Amino acid sequence: MPDIHPSAIIEDGAQLGEGVKIGPFCTVGANVVLGDRVELKSHVVVTGKTEIGADTVVFSFSVIGEIPQDLKFGGEDTRLVIGERNRIREHVTMNTGTDGGGGVTRIGDDGLFMAGAHIAHDVQIGDRVIVVNSAGVAGHCVIEDDVIIGGLSGIHQWVRVGRGAIIGAMTMVPNDVIPYGLVQGPRGVLDGLNLVGLKRRGVKRADITALRAAFQMLAQGEGAFLERARRLGDETESEYVEEIVSFILGETDRNFLTPG
């Protein structure tokens, strides 16, 4: 049976899985689904049409599933879906989607969202993503697996951040970031590759060498950035480089951060 503190408010209709723990002064809305062993520490608000996956822990004063910060929102039936084993720390806010963005904000598994982070409407976040203290991800962004977003950083709306990229602290990211990219500076600059992250994940030395050569070609090769990417795709045999090429040639609503 769920372990619910007497001061918590659980509205009729809320669905609670096995082993759920709800601490003092929490509020859980009527359309909320909490998976098995979800824990709400204290003073947590979970509202809207929100699903939280098993073994996720939400810390004090977080507000999960509130309506979007979008003046066009008119009360449409939209959702927030959070995966399993996430850690959502104090004062984090995550909003539901909008009709114009597909109607769903979606968070993957095994993420860490540190104190004060904000995840806006219609954002799509992959697995094992870390969003550090007071960073903000604006509406309609796509954050792929294994991304790290540094503290006090901001991701502009509609931006895509490719798998394994890292964003330095206090960085504004106005355009797309290639997979495995390293972005830093007050106005984000693509400053290299996330070599530390690649090595920690056990990527082979040959693949890292191929990625470094690919970055050099994107930075200094002949022609425009997209032309370099197409030429790179014709020449490479590395699956990691092919991933970067596919990302660059994919659909986007923004330009790219290009190597300096």
Protein backbone atom coordinates (compact mmCIF):
# COMPACT_ATOMS: atom_id res chain seq x y z
CA MET A 1 0.00 0.00 0.00
CA PRO A 2 1.18 3.59 -0.61
CA ASP A 3 2.73 5.35 2.36
CA ILE A 4 0.96 8.73 2.49
CA HIS A 5 1.59 11.38 5.12
CA PRO A 6 -1.64 12.61 6.77
CA SER A 7 -1.00 16.19 5.65
CA ALA A 8 -0.74 15.26 1.94
CA ILE A 9 -3.69 15.89 -0.42
CA ILE A 10 -4.43 13.15 -2.95
CA GLU A 11 -7.31 14.08 -5.25
CA ASP A 12 -9.86 11.46 -6.28
CA GLY A 13 -8.80 9.75 -9.50
CA ALA A 14 -5.05 9.78 -8.88
CA GLN A 15 -3.43 6.41 -9.57
CA LEU A 16 -0.70 5.29 -7.17
CA GLY A 17 1.53 2.27 -7.81
CA GLU A 18 2.88 -0.18 -5.27
CA GLY A 19 5.27 1.16 -2.68
CA VAL A 20 4.64 4.84 -3.45
CA LYS A 21 5.75 7.25 -0.70
CA ILE A 22 4.18 10.70 -0.41
CA GLY A 23 5.62 13.03 2.20
CA PRO A 24 4.22 15.95 4.19
CA PHE A 25 2.19 18.68 2.47
CA CYS A 26 2.39 17.18 -1.02
CA THR A 27 -0.46 17.63 -3.51
CA VAL A 28 -1.27 15.03 -6.17
CA GLY A 29 -3.89 15.90 -8.81
CA ALA A 30 -6.77 13.81 -10.06
CA ASN A 31 -5.15 12.98 -13.41
CA VAL A 32 -1.76 11.98 -12.05
CA VAL A 33 -0.28 8.48 -12.39
CA LEU A 34 2.60 7.59 -10.06
CA GLY A 35 4.48 4.38 -10.91
CA ASP A 36 5.71 1.81 -8.44
CA ARG A 37 7.99 3.08 -5.69
CA VAL A 38 7.80 6.73 -6.75
CA GLU A 39 8.69 8.98 -3.83
CA LEU A 40 7.59 12.58 -3.28
CA LYS A 41 9.69 14.00 -0.45
CA SER A 42 7.64 16.92 0.93
CA HIS A 43 5.83 20.04 -0.36
CA VAL A 44 5.79 18.60 -3.89
CA VAL A 45 3.02 19.50 -6.34
CA VAL A 46 2.21 17.01 -9.09
CA THR A 47 -0.70 18.16 -11.19
CA GLY A 48 -2.16 18.05 -14.70
CA LYS A 49 -2.22 14.91 -16.81
CA THR A 50 1.15 13.70 -15.56
CA GLU A 51 2.76 10.25 -15.47
CA ILE A 52 5.87 9.57 -13.38
CA GLY A 53 7.72 6.29 -13.95
CA ALA A 54 8.81 3.76 -11.35
CA ASP A 55 11.55 4.50 -8.80
CA THR A 56 11.63 8.22 -9.55
CA VAL A 57 12.23 10.54 -6.58
CA VAL A 58 10.95 14.12 -6.52
CA PHE A 59 12.41 16.43 -3.89
CA SER A 60 10.85 19.28 -1.95
CA PHE A 61 9.11 22.27 -3.55
CA SER A 62 9.17 20.91 -7.09
CA VAL A 63 6.14 21.64 -9.29
CA ILE A 64 5.56 18.93 -11.85
CA GLY A 65 2.89 19.02 -14.57
CA GLU A 66 1.71 22.60 -14.25
CA ILE A 67 0.39 24.40 -17.36
CA PRO A 68 2.89 25.80 -19.90
CA GLN A 69 4.40 29.26 -19.63
CA ASP A 70 2.96 30.06 -23.05
CA LEU A 71 0.41 32.83 -23.57
CA LYS A 72 -1.12 30.88 -26.46
CA PHE A 73 -2.08 28.03 -24.16
CA GLY A 74 -5.85 27.88 -23.73
CA GLY A 75 -6.37 24.93 -21.44
CA GLU A 76 -5.94 22.20 -24.03
CA ASP A 77 -5.68 18.56 -22.93
CA THR A 78 -1.90 18.05 -22.88
CA ARG A 79 0.46 15.80 -20.92
CA LEU A 80 3.78 15.36 -19.16
CA VAL A 81 5.36 11.88 -19.25
CA ILE A 82 8.40 11.18 -17.05
CA GLY A 83 10.33 7.92 -17.28
CA GLU A 84 11.82 5.69 -14.63
CA ARG A 85 14.57 6.19 -12.03
CA ASN A 86 14.82 9.94 -12.43
CA ARG A 87 16.07 12.22 -9.65
CA ILE A 88 14.21 15.54 -9.63
CA ARG A 89 15.74 17.83 -7.05
CA GLU A 90 14.42 20.82 -5.12
CA HIS A 91 12.44 23.59 -6.86
CA VAL A 92 12.46 21.91 -10.29
CA THR A 93 9.59 22.84 -12.63
CA MET A 94 8.37 20.69 -15.53
CA ASN A 95 5.40 21.76 -17.68
CA THR A 96 2.91 19.88 -19.82
CA GLY A 97 2.87 20.27 -23.60
CA THR A 98 0.86 22.48 -25.97
CA ASP A 99 -1.27 21.67 -28.99
CA GLY A 100 1.20 23.50 -31.22
CA GLY A 101 4.09 21.33 -30.02
CA GLY A 102 2.50 17.90 -30.15
CA GLY A 103 0.80 17.98 -26.77
CA VAL A 104 3.39 16.03 -24.75
CA THR A 105 6.47 16.97 -22.77
CA ARG A 106 8.51 13.79 -22.40
CA ILE A 107 11.41 12.89 -20.08
CA GLY A 108 13.39 9.65 -20.50
CA ASP A 109 14.89 7.34 -17.88
CA ASP A 110 17.73 7.76 -15.36
CA GLY A 111 17.94 11.54 -15.56
CA LEU A 112 19.19 13.96 -12.92
CA PHE A 113 17.51 17.38 -12.76
CA MET A 114 19.29 19.47 -10.16
CA ALA A 115 17.85 22.20 -7.97
CA GLY A 116 15.97 24.98 -9.76
CA ALA A 117 16.10 23.45 -13.26
CA HIS A 118 13.21 24.23 -15.62
CA ILE A 119 11.86 21.97 -18.38
CA ALA A 120 9.38 23.84 -20.57
CA HIS A 121 6.44 22.71 -22.70
CA ASP A 122 6.87 20.14 -25.49
CA VAL A 123 10.50 19.40 -24.63
CA GLN A 124 11.70 15.89 -25.51
CA ILE A 125 14.51 14.65 -23.27
CA GLY A 126 16.32 11.32 -23.69
CA ASP A 127 17.89 8.95 -21.17
CA ARG A 128 20.68 9.68 -18.68
CA VAL A 129 20.46 13.44 -19.17
CA ILE A 130 21.83 15.75 -16.48
CA VAL A 131 20.49 19.30 -16.13
CA VAL A 132 22.54 21.16 -13.53
CA ASN A 133 21.32 23.75 -11.03
CA SER A 134 19.15 26.61 -12.36
CA ALA A 135 19.54 25.65 -16.03
CA GLY A 136 16.55 26.16 -18.29
CA VAL A 137 15.39 24.22 -21.35
CA ALA A 138 12.91 26.28 -23.37
CA GLY A 139 9.89 25.03 -25.29
CA HIS A 140 10.05 22.48 -28.14
CA CYS A 141 13.71 21.55 -27.54
CA VAL A 142 15.06 18.05 -28.17
CA ILE A 143 17.77 16.88 -25.78
CA GLU A 144 19.16 13.48 -26.80
CA ASP A 145 20.64 10.74 -24.58
CA ASP A 146 23.64 11.34 -22.30
CA VAL A 147 23.65 15.14 -22.59
CA ILE A 148 24.95 17.31 -19.73
CA ILE A 149 23.67 20.90 -19.44
CA GLY A 150 25.78 23.03 -17.09
CA GLY A 151 24.49 25.20 -14.29
CA LEU A 152 22.79 28.55 -15.06
CA SER A 153 22.72 27.71 -18.78
CA GLY A 154 19.80 28.34 -21.13
CA ILE A 155 18.73 26.33 -24.17
CA HIS A 156 16.80 28.44 -26.71
CA GLN A 157 13.40 27.21 -27.88
CA TRP A 158 13.37 24.72 -30.79
CA VAL A 159 17.06 23.85 -30.31
CA ARG A 160 18.30 20.25 -30.66
CA VAL A 161 21.23 19.02 -28.58
CA GLY A 162 22.74 15.82 -29.97
CA ARG A 163 23.59 12.70 -28.02
CA GLY A 164 26.56 12.88 -25.68
CA ALA A 165 27.04 16.65 -25.98
CA ILE A 166 28.07 18.78 -23.01
CA ILE A 167 27.10 22.42 -22.36
CA GLY A 168 29.36 24.42 -20.07
CA ALA A 169 28.07 26.48 -17.16
CA MET A 170 26.50 29.91 -17.73
CA THR A 171 26.11 29.31 -21.46
CA MET A 172 23.33 30.52 -23.75
CA VAL A 173 22.72 27.98 -26.54
CA PRO A 174 20.89 29.67 -29.45
CA ASN A 175 21.37 26.96 -32.12
CA ASP A 176 21.63 23.19 -32.57
CA VAL A 177 24.56 21.31 -31.02
CA ILE A 178 26.04 18.32 -32.88
CA PRO A 179 26.31 14.95 -31.08
CA TYR A 180 29.35 14.74 -28.77
CA GLY A 181 29.92 18.48 -29.09
CA LEU A 182 31.44 20.68 -26.39
CA VAL A 183 29.79 24.10 -26.07
CA GLN A 184 30.91 26.87 -23.75
CA GLY A 185 31.08 30.63 -23.42
CA PRO A 186 28.48 33.26 -22.52
CA ARG A 187 27.07 33.02 -26.05
CA GLY A 188 27.58 29.36 -26.81
CA VAL A 189 30.43 28.41 -29.14
CA LEU A 190 31.11 24.91 -30.44
CA ASP A 191 34.55 24.58 -28.93
CA GLY A 192 35.43 20.94 -29.54
CA LEU A 193 34.23 17.45 -28.65
CA ASN A 194 33.17 15.95 -25.34
CA LEU A 195 36.24 13.73 -25.24
CA VAL A 196 35.97 13.06 -21.51
CA GLY A 197 32.43 11.77 -21.93
CA LEU A 198 33.44 9.58 -24.86
CA LYS A 199 36.29 8.01 -22.90
CA ARG A 200 34.09 7.43 -19.85
CA ARG A 201 31.62 5.51 -22.02
CA GLY A 202 34.41 3.30 -23.34
CA VAL A 203 34.35 4.52 -26.94
CA LYS A 204 37.25 2.94 -28.85
CA ARG A 205 40.32 5.03 -29.60
CA ALA A 206 39.83 4.54 -33.34
CA ASP A 207 36.35 6.04 -33.13
CA ILE A 208 37.57 8.98 -31.07
CA THR A 209 40.30 9.59 -33.65
CA ALA A 210 37.69 9.51 -36.42
CA LEU A 211 35.51 11.97 -34.50
CA ARG A 212 38.43 14.37 -34.02
CA ALA A 213 39.24 14.23 -37.73
CA ALA A 214 35.58 14.81 -38.56
CA PHE A 215 35.41 17.84 -36.28
CA GLN A 216 38.52 19.25 -37.93
CA MET A 217 36.94 18.84 -41.35
CA LEU A 218 33.72 20.51 -40.19
CA ALA A 219 35.78 23.37 -38.77
CA GLN A 220 38.23 23.96 -41.60
CA GLY A 221 37.10 22.08 -44.69
CA GLU A 222 36.14 23.70 -47.97
CA GLY A 223 32.60 24.89 -48.69
CA ALA A 224 29.66 25.71 -46.44
CA PHE A 225 28.98 23.79 -43.23
CA LEU A 226 26.28 21.58 -44.76
CA GLU A 227 28.47 20.82 -47.77
CA ARG A 228 31.28 19.72 -45.46
CA ALA A 229 28.86 17.48 -43.57
CA ARG A 230 27.61 15.81 -46.77
CA ARG A 231 31.16 15.22 -47.95
CA LEU A 232 32.05 13.82 -44.55
CA GLY A 233 29.14 11.38 -44.77
CA ASP A 234 30.40 10.09 -48.12
CA GLU A 235 33.90 9.49 -46.76
CA THR A 236 33.47 8.11 -43.23
CA GLU A 237 33.13 4.55 -42.02
CA SER A 238 32.66 5.46 -38.35
CA GLU A 239 29.16 5.01 -36.92
CA TYR A 240 29.82 7.92 -34.54
CA VAL A 241 30.71 10.27 -37.38
CA GLU A 242 27.70 9.02 -39.35
CA GLU A 243 25.54 9.94 -36.37
CA ILE A 244 26.85 13.51 -36.48
CA VAL A 245 26.25 13.72 -40.23
CA SER A 246 22.67 12.41 -39.89
CA PHE A 247 22.02 14.93 -37.13
CA ILE A 248 23.30 17.83 -39.24
CA LEU A 249 21.31 16.78 -42.30
CA GLY A 250 18.13 16.12 -40.30
CA GLU A 251 15.15 18.45 -39.96
CA THR A 252 15.63 21.47 -37.73
CA ASP A 253 14.07 24.82 -36.95
CA ARG A 254 17.40 26.42 -36.02
CA ASN A 255 20.86 26.93 -37.45
CA PHE A 256 23.89 25.11 -36.04
CA LEU A 257 26.62 26.12 -33.69
CA THR A 258 29.62 25.67 -35.96
CA PRO A 259 33.25 25.17 -34.95
CA GLY A 260 35.22 28.35 -34.41
